[in-house]
Amino acid sequence: MTQDPAAEGSLMRLAETLDLNAAAPLCSQILASRGQDLALDASAVRRIGALCTQILLSARATWAADGFALRLVEPSQDLRDGLALMGCADLADANPVQDHAQ
């Protein structure tokens, strides 16, 4: 996962595999961007587990409560399928969760 400092807000590229081993680094990297809009490039994700899904759900709620936008950019079909299996298909929606500019 990398961040693009040139992007407005922050852009973080998600790893190909978001499993138990990826959970702690994912959480730390997301929290490091708290207090600003965050776009998660999910185009390379091939597999997502329940723990990383919980982290993304928690981040969505936290960003919304803080009044910032958090969104998945170009979610892969594998990610969409994995989220749908866990009942979280709306997490891959194109629209930001919260847009503080509105």
N, C-alpha and C. Protein backbone atom coordinates (compact mmCIF):
# COMPACT_ATOMS: atom_id res chain seq x y z
N MET A 1 0.84 -1.17 0.00
CA MET A 1 0.00 0.00 0.00
C MET A 1 0.89 1.24 0.00
N THR A 2 0.61 2.15 -0.90
CA THR A 2 1.40 3.37 -0.98
C THR A 2 0.46 4.55 -1.01
N GLN A 3 1.01 5.71 -0.68
CA GLN A 3 0.22 6.92 -0.71
C GLN A 3 0.76 7.85 -1.77
N ASP A 4 -0.10 8.59 -2.43
CA ASP A 4 0.27 9.56 -3.45
C ASP A 4 0.10 10.94 -2.84
N PRO A 5 1.20 11.58 -2.41
CA PRO A 5 1.07 12.86 -1.74
C PRO A 5 0.61 13.98 -2.66
N ALA A 6 0.69 13.78 -3.97
CA ALA A 6 0.27 14.82 -4.91
C ALA A 6 -1.24 14.89 -5.06
N ALA A 7 -1.93 13.85 -4.64
CA ALA A 7 -3.38 13.82 -4.77
C ALA A 7 -4.03 14.77 -3.76
N GLU A 8 -5.18 15.31 -4.16
CA GLU A 8 -5.94 16.14 -3.22
C GLU A 8 -6.46 15.22 -2.13
N GLY A 9 -6.23 15.58 -0.88
CA GLY A 9 -6.50 14.65 0.20
C GLY A 9 -5.39 13.63 0.17
N SER A 10 -5.76 12.37 0.12
CA SER A 10 -4.74 11.33 0.09
C SER A 10 -5.25 10.16 -0.74
N LEU A 11 -4.35 9.54 -1.48
CA LEU A 11 -4.66 8.35 -2.26
C LEU A 11 -3.79 7.21 -1.75
N MET A 12 -4.43 6.11 -1.37
CA MET A 12 -3.71 4.95 -0.88
C MET A 12 -4.03 3.77 -1.79
N ARG A 13 -3.01 3.10 -2.27
CA ARG A 13 -3.19 1.92 -3.08
C ARG A 13 -3.27 0.69 -2.16
N LEU A 14 -4.36 -0.04 -2.30
CA LEU A 14 -4.54 -1.23 -1.48
C LEU A 14 -3.76 -2.41 -2.05
N ALA A 15 -3.33 -3.29 -1.17
CA ALA A 15 -2.57 -4.48 -1.56
C ALA A 15 -3.45 -5.45 -2.33
N GLU A 16 -2.82 -6.37 -3.03
CA GLU A 16 -3.54 -7.37 -3.80
C GLU A 16 -4.31 -8.33 -2.89
N THR A 17 -3.71 -8.66 -1.76
CA THR A 17 -4.35 -9.57 -0.81
C THR A 17 -4.57 -8.86 0.52
N LEU A 18 -5.84 -8.72 0.88
CA LEU A 18 -6.20 -8.07 2.15
C LEU A 18 -6.70 -9.16 3.10
N ASP A 19 -5.76 -9.87 3.69
CA ASP A 19 -6.08 -10.97 4.60
C ASP A 19 -5.62 -10.62 6.01
N LEU A 20 -5.57 -11.61 6.86
CA LEU A 20 -5.17 -11.40 8.24
C LEU A 20 -3.81 -10.71 8.35
N ASN A 21 -2.85 -11.11 7.52
CA ASN A 21 -1.52 -10.53 7.56
C ASN A 21 -1.50 -9.06 7.13
N ALA A 22 -2.46 -8.66 6.31
CA ALA A 22 -2.52 -7.29 5.82
C ALA A 22 -3.30 -6.36 6.75
N ALA A 23 -4.00 -6.91 7.73
CA ALA A 23 -4.92 -6.12 8.55
C ALA A 23 -4.23 -5.02 9.36
N ALA A 24 -3.19 -5.36 10.10
CA ALA A 24 -2.52 -4.35 10.94
C ALA A 24 -1.90 -3.23 10.11
N PRO A 25 -1.16 -3.55 9.02
CA PRO A 25 -0.62 -2.46 8.20
C PRO A 25 -1.73 -1.62 7.56
N LEU A 26 -2.80 -2.26 7.12
CA LEU A 26 -3.92 -1.53 6.53
C LEU A 26 -4.50 -0.54 7.53
N CYS A 27 -4.76 -1.00 8.72
CA CYS A 27 -5.32 -0.15 9.77
C CYS A 27 -4.39 1.04 10.06
N SER A 28 -3.11 0.79 10.22
CA SER A 28 -2.15 1.85 10.51
C SER A 28 -2.09 2.87 9.40
N GLN A 29 -2.04 2.41 8.15
CA GLN A 29 -1.94 3.33 7.03
C GLN A 29 -3.21 4.16 6.86
N ILE A 30 -4.35 3.55 7.07
CA ILE A 30 -5.60 4.30 6.97
C ILE A 30 -5.66 5.36 8.08
N LEU A 31 -5.35 4.96 9.30
CA LEU A 31 -5.39 5.91 10.42
C LEU A 31 -4.42 7.07 10.24
N ALA A 32 -3.31 6.85 9.54
CA ALA A 32 -2.35 7.91 9.28
C ALA A 32 -2.92 9.01 8.39
N SER A 33 -4.01 8.70 7.69
CA SER A 33 -4.65 9.68 6.81
C SER A 33 -5.90 10.30 7.42
N ARG A 34 -6.14 10.03 8.68
CA ARG A 34 -7.34 10.57 9.33
C ARG A 34 -7.28 12.09 9.35
N GLY A 35 -8.44 12.71 9.17
CA GLY A 35 -8.52 14.16 9.19
C GLY A 35 -8.45 14.78 7.81
N GLN A 36 -8.52 13.95 6.78
CA GLN A 36 -8.52 14.44 5.40
C GLN A 36 -9.29 13.46 4.53
N ASP A 37 -9.71 13.90 3.36
CA ASP A 37 -10.36 13.00 2.43
C ASP A 37 -9.39 11.88 2.07
N LEU A 38 -9.94 10.69 1.86
CA LEU A 38 -9.09 9.54 1.54
C LEU A 38 -9.73 8.73 0.42
N ALA A 39 -8.95 8.49 -0.62
CA ALA A 39 -9.36 7.60 -1.71
C ALA A 39 -8.50 6.35 -1.63
N LEU A 40 -9.15 5.21 -1.68
CA LEU A 40 -8.45 3.92 -1.62
C LEU A 40 -8.49 3.29 -3.01
N ASP A 41 -7.33 3.21 -3.67
CA ASP A 41 -7.25 2.58 -4.98
C ASP A 41 -7.35 1.08 -4.78
N ALA A 42 -8.48 0.53 -5.17
CA ALA A 42 -8.76 -0.89 -4.93
C ALA A 42 -8.69 -1.71 -6.21
N SER A 43 -8.05 -1.17 -7.24
CA SER A 43 -8.02 -1.84 -8.54
C SER A 43 -7.20 -3.12 -8.55
N ALA A 44 -6.23 -3.26 -7.65
CA ALA A 44 -5.37 -4.44 -7.64
C ALA A 44 -5.83 -5.53 -6.66
N VAL A 45 -6.86 -5.26 -5.89
CA VAL A 45 -7.29 -6.22 -4.86
C VAL A 45 -7.88 -7.47 -5.51
N ARG A 46 -7.33 -8.61 -5.13
CA ARG A 46 -7.80 -9.90 -5.65
C ARG A 46 -8.49 -10.72 -4.57
N ARG A 47 -8.22 -10.40 -3.30
CA ARG A 47 -8.80 -11.17 -2.20
C ARG A 47 -8.94 -10.27 -0.99
N ILE A 48 -10.10 -10.38 -0.31
CA ILE A 48 -10.32 -9.63 0.92
C ILE A 48 -10.94 -10.55 1.96
N GLY A 49 -10.41 -10.46 3.17
CA GLY A 49 -10.94 -11.26 4.27
C GLY A 49 -11.83 -10.43 5.17
N ALA A 50 -12.42 -11.09 6.13
CA ALA A 50 -13.38 -10.44 7.03
C ALA A 50 -12.75 -9.33 7.87
N LEU A 51 -11.53 -9.55 8.36
CA LEU A 51 -10.91 -8.54 9.22
C LEU A 51 -10.63 -7.25 8.46
N CYS A 52 -10.11 -7.35 7.24
CA CYS A 52 -9.86 -6.14 6.45
C CYS A 52 -11.18 -5.48 6.03
N THR A 53 -12.21 -6.29 5.82
CA THR A 53 -13.53 -5.71 5.54
C THR A 53 -14.00 -4.91 6.74
N GLN A 54 -13.82 -5.43 7.95
CA GLN A 54 -14.19 -4.71 9.16
C GLN A 54 -13.41 -3.40 9.29
N ILE A 55 -12.14 -3.43 8.94
CA ILE A 55 -11.32 -2.22 9.00
C ILE A 55 -11.87 -1.17 8.04
N LEU A 56 -12.22 -1.58 6.82
CA LEU A 56 -12.78 -0.63 5.85
C LEU A 56 -14.14 -0.09 6.31
N LEU A 57 -14.96 -0.96 6.89
CA LEU A 57 -16.26 -0.51 7.41
C LEU A 57 -16.07 0.49 8.55
N SER A 58 -15.14 0.21 9.44
CA SER A 58 -14.86 1.12 10.54
C SER A 58 -14.31 2.45 10.03
N ALA A 59 -13.43 2.37 9.05
CA ALA A 59 -12.88 3.61 8.47
C ALA A 59 -13.98 4.44 7.82
N ARG A 60 -14.90 3.77 7.14
CA ARG A 60 -16.01 4.49 6.51
C ARG A 60 -16.82 5.23 7.57
N ALA A 61 -17.13 4.57 8.67
CA ALA A 61 -17.91 5.21 9.74
C ALA A 61 -17.11 6.34 10.39
N THR A 62 -15.83 6.14 10.60
CA THR A 62 -14.99 7.16 11.23
C THR A 62 -14.88 8.39 10.35
N TRP A 63 -14.62 8.18 9.06
CA TRP A 63 -14.49 9.33 8.14
C TRP A 63 -15.82 10.09 8.06
N ALA A 64 -16.93 9.37 8.01
CA ALA A 64 -18.24 10.03 7.96
C ALA A 64 -18.47 10.85 9.23
N ALA A 65 -18.13 10.29 10.39
CA ALA A 65 -18.30 11.01 11.65
C ALA A 65 -17.41 12.25 11.72
N ASP A 66 -16.23 12.16 11.10
CA ASP A 66 -15.30 13.29 11.09
C ASP A 66 -15.64 14.33 10.02
N GLY A 67 -16.57 13.98 9.10
CA GLY A 67 -16.97 14.91 8.06
C GLY A 67 -16.07 14.92 6.83
N PHE A 68 -15.40 13.81 6.59
CA PHE A 68 -14.53 13.71 5.42
C PHE A 68 -14.99 12.58 4.51
N ALA A 69 -14.54 12.62 3.26
CA ALA A 69 -14.90 11.61 2.27
C ALA A 69 -13.91 10.47 2.32
N LEU A 70 -14.44 9.26 2.26
CA LEU A 70 -13.62 8.06 2.10
C LEU A 70 -14.28 7.25 1.01
N ARG A 71 -13.51 6.88 -0.02
CA ARG A 71 -14.10 6.12 -1.11
C ARG A 71 -13.11 5.13 -1.69
N LEU A 72 -13.65 4.08 -2.26
CA LEU A 72 -12.85 3.11 -2.99
C LEU A 72 -12.82 3.53 -4.45
N VAL A 73 -11.63 3.59 -5.02
CA VAL A 73 -11.46 3.98 -6.41
C VAL A 73 -11.21 2.74 -7.24
N GLU A 74 -11.98 2.59 -8.30
CA GLU A 74 -11.84 1.46 -9.23
C GLU A 74 -11.74 0.11 -8.52
N PRO A 75 -12.72 -0.21 -7.69
CA PRO A 75 -12.66 -1.52 -7.02
C PRO A 75 -12.69 -2.66 -8.03
N SER A 76 -11.79 -3.61 -7.87
CA SER A 76 -11.73 -4.76 -8.77
C SER A 76 -12.99 -5.61 -8.62
N GLN A 77 -13.27 -6.40 -9.62
CA GLN A 77 -14.43 -7.29 -9.55
C GLN A 77 -14.25 -8.31 -8.43
N ASP A 78 -13.02 -8.76 -8.21
CA ASP A 78 -12.76 -9.70 -7.10
C ASP A 78 -13.10 -9.06 -5.76
N LEU A 79 -12.75 -7.80 -5.59
CA LEU A 79 -13.09 -7.10 -4.35
C LEU A 79 -14.60 -6.95 -4.22
N ARG A 80 -15.25 -6.54 -5.30
CA ARG A 80 -16.71 -6.41 -5.27
C ARG A 80 -17.38 -7.73 -4.88
N ASP A 81 -16.90 -8.80 -5.48
CA ASP A 81 -17.48 -10.13 -5.18
C ASP A 81 -17.25 -10.50 -3.72
N GLY A 82 -16.04 -10.28 -3.21
CA GLY A 82 -15.74 -10.59 -1.82
C GLY A 82 -16.58 -9.79 -0.85
N LEU A 83 -16.74 -8.51 -1.12
CA LEU A 83 -17.57 -7.67 -0.25
C LEU A 83 -19.03 -8.10 -0.31
N ALA A 84 -19.50 -8.46 -1.50
CA ALA A 84 -20.89 -8.91 -1.64
C ALA A 84 -21.12 -10.19 -0.85
N LEU A 85 -20.16 -11.10 -0.84
CA LEU A 85 -20.30 -12.34 -0.07
C LEU A 85 -20.44 -12.07 1.42
N MET A 86 -19.86 -10.96 1.88
CA MET A 86 -19.93 -10.63 3.31
C MET A 86 -21.05 -9.64 3.61
N GLY A 87 -21.90 -9.38 2.61
CA GLY A 87 -23.03 -8.48 2.82
C GLY A 87 -22.65 -7.01 2.86
N CYS A 88 -21.53 -6.67 2.26
CA CYS A 88 -21.04 -5.28 2.30
C CYS A 88 -20.82 -4.72 0.91
N ALA A 89 -21.65 -5.10 -0.03
CA ALA A 89 -21.47 -4.66 -1.42
C ALA A 89 -21.47 -3.14 -1.55
N ASP A 90 -22.21 -2.46 -0.68
CA ASP A 90 -22.29 -0.99 -0.76
C ASP A 90 -20.96 -0.32 -0.46
N LEU A 91 -20.03 -1.02 0.16
CA LEU A 91 -18.71 -0.46 0.45
C LEU A 91 -17.95 -0.13 -0.83
N ALA A 92 -18.26 -0.83 -1.92
CA ALA A 92 -17.58 -0.60 -3.19
C ALA A 92 -18.29 0.43 -4.07
N ASP A 93 -19.33 1.06 -3.55
CA ASP A 93 -20.03 2.08 -4.33
C ASP A 93 -19.08 3.20 -4.72
N ALA A 94 -19.33 3.78 -5.89
CA ALA A 94 -18.45 4.81 -6.42
C ALA A 94 -18.54 6.12 -5.65
N ASN A 95 -19.65 6.37 -4.99
CA ASN A 95 -19.83 7.66 -4.31
C ASN A 95 -19.12 7.69 -2.98
N PRO A 96 -18.51 8.84 -2.65
CA PRO A 96 -17.89 8.96 -1.33
C PRO A 96 -18.95 8.78 -0.25
N VAL A 97 -18.51 8.28 0.89
CA VAL A 97 -19.40 8.08 2.01
C VAL A 97 -19.89 9.41 2.55
N GLN A 98 -19.01 10.36 2.68
CA GLN A 98 -19.34 11.67 3.22
C GLN A 98 -18.51 12.70 2.49
N ASP A 99 -19.15 13.74 1.99
CA ASP A 99 -18.42 14.80 1.30
C ASP A 99 -18.59 16.07 2.10
N HIS A 100 -17.51 16.51 2.76
CA HIS A 100 -17.61 17.67 3.64
C HIS A 100 -17.79 18.96 2.88
N ALA A 101 -17.63 18.97 1.56
CA ALA A 101 -17.79 20.17 0.74
C ALA A 101 -19.26 20.48 0.48
N GLN A 102 -20.15 19.51 0.72
CA GLN A 102 -21.57 19.73 0.43
C GLN A 102 -22.23 20.51 1.53
